[in-house]
Amino acid sequence: MSTITLIFTIIFLIASLVLIVSVLMQSGKSAGLSGSIGGGAEQLFGKQKGRSMDAMFEKMTAIAAVAFMLSAIILLVLQKYN
């Protein structure tokens, strides 16, 4: 296994673990009438919308998903040409 393949394999594994953890740590969307009322009030009147833990996990999920997909594509190309 070449060095570049090893590096992208490690990136792939770390991105997959971060993706799993960040998805599991996000709070679920509330269902029903009580969830829509309470969630709407928090969304409208929440003072720290951009600084909440949910916002951090959403950003982490997006970054990990991009890293996961790019490393998967790069590993596929490296496997094909090596």
Protein backbone atom coordinates (compact mmCIF):
# COMPACT_ATOMS: atom_id res chain seq x y z
CA MET A 1 0.00 0.00 0.00
CA SER A 2 1.46 3.31 -1.03
CA THR A 3 1.80 6.23 1.33
CA ILE A 4 -0.85 8.34 -0.41
CA THR A 5 -3.33 5.47 -0.26
CA LEU A 6 -2.66 5.07 3.45
CA ILE A 7 -3.18 8.78 4.06
CA PHE A 8 -6.52 8.83 2.24
CA THR A 9 -7.60 5.63 3.98
CA ILE A 10 -6.98 7.27 7.35
CA ILE A 11 -8.87 10.40 6.24
CA PHE A 12 -11.70 8.14 5.04
CA LEU A 13 -11.93 6.33 8.39
CA ILE A 14 -11.79 9.53 10.46
CA ALA A 15 -14.42 11.21 8.27
CA SER A 16 -16.73 8.22 8.57
CA LEU A 17 -16.43 8.16 12.36
CA VAL A 18 -17.00 11.91 12.64
CA LEU A 19 -20.00 11.61 10.32
CA ILE A 20 -21.54 8.85 12.42
CA VAL A 21 -21.00 10.69 15.71
CA SER A 22 -22.21 14.05 14.43
CA VAL A 23 -25.41 12.57 12.99
CA LEU A 24 -26.15 10.66 16.18
CA MET A 25 -25.50 13.69 18.40
CA GLN A 26 -27.96 15.94 16.55
CA SER A 27 -31.30 16.39 18.21
CA GLY A 28 -34.27 15.03 16.32
CA LYS A 29 -36.95 17.23 14.88
CA SER A 30 -39.94 17.29 17.21
CA ALA A 31 -43.12 15.84 15.82
CA GLY A 32 -46.68 16.77 16.62
CA LEU A 33 -48.36 19.95 17.76
CA SER A 34 -46.30 20.50 20.92
CA GLY A 35 -43.05 20.13 19.03
CA SER A 36 -44.09 22.58 16.35
CA ILE A 37 -45.14 25.21 18.89
CA GLY A 38 -42.11 24.84 21.14
CA GLY A 39 -39.65 24.49 18.28
CA GLY A 40 -41.08 27.48 16.45
CA ALA A 41 -40.82 29.71 19.50
CA GLU A 42 -37.23 28.68 20.09
CA GLN A 43 -36.37 29.23 16.46
CA LEU A 44 -37.93 32.68 16.35
CA PHE A 45 -36.82 33.93 19.73
CA GLY A 46 -33.61 31.97 20.29
CA LYS A 47 -30.74 34.34 20.95
CA GLN A 48 -27.95 31.96 19.99
CA LYS A 49 -29.19 30.41 16.77
CA GLY A 50 -25.77 30.33 15.11
CA ARG A 51 -23.87 29.29 18.22
CA SER A 52 -25.95 26.36 19.35
CA MET A 53 -24.72 22.80 19.54
CA ASP A 54 -27.11 21.79 16.75
CA ALA A 55 -25.56 24.36 14.42
CA MET A 56 -22.10 23.07 15.26
CA PHE A 57 -23.16 19.47 14.58
CA GLU A 58 -24.75 20.49 11.27
CA LYS A 59 -21.52 22.13 10.13
CA MET A 60 -19.49 19.15 11.35
CA THR A 61 -21.79 16.79 9.45
CA ALA A 62 -21.45 18.77 6.23
CA ILE A 63 -17.66 18.93 6.45
CA ALA A 64 -17.35 15.24 7.31
CA ALA A 65 -19.70 14.28 4.47
CA VAL A 66 -17.63 16.21 1.93
CA ALA A 67 -14.39 14.72 3.26
CA PHE A 68 -15.94 11.23 3.19
CA MET A 69 -17.13 11.54 -0.41
CA LEU A 70 -13.92 13.08 -1.71
CA SER A 71 -11.70 10.53 0.00
CA ALA A 72 -13.90 7.68 -1.29
CA ILE A 73 -13.59 8.98 -4.86
CA ILE A 74 -9.85 9.50 -4.53
CA LEU A 75 -9.38 6.00 -3.09
CA LEU A 76 -11.38 4.55 -5.98
CA VAL A 77 -9.22 6.35 -8.53
CA LEU A 78 -6.03 5.30 -6.74
CA GLN A 79 -7.19 1.69 -6.63
CA LYS A 80 -7.98 1.71 -10.33
CA TYR A 81 -4.61 3.10 -11.43
CA ASN A 82 -2.37 1.19 -9.02
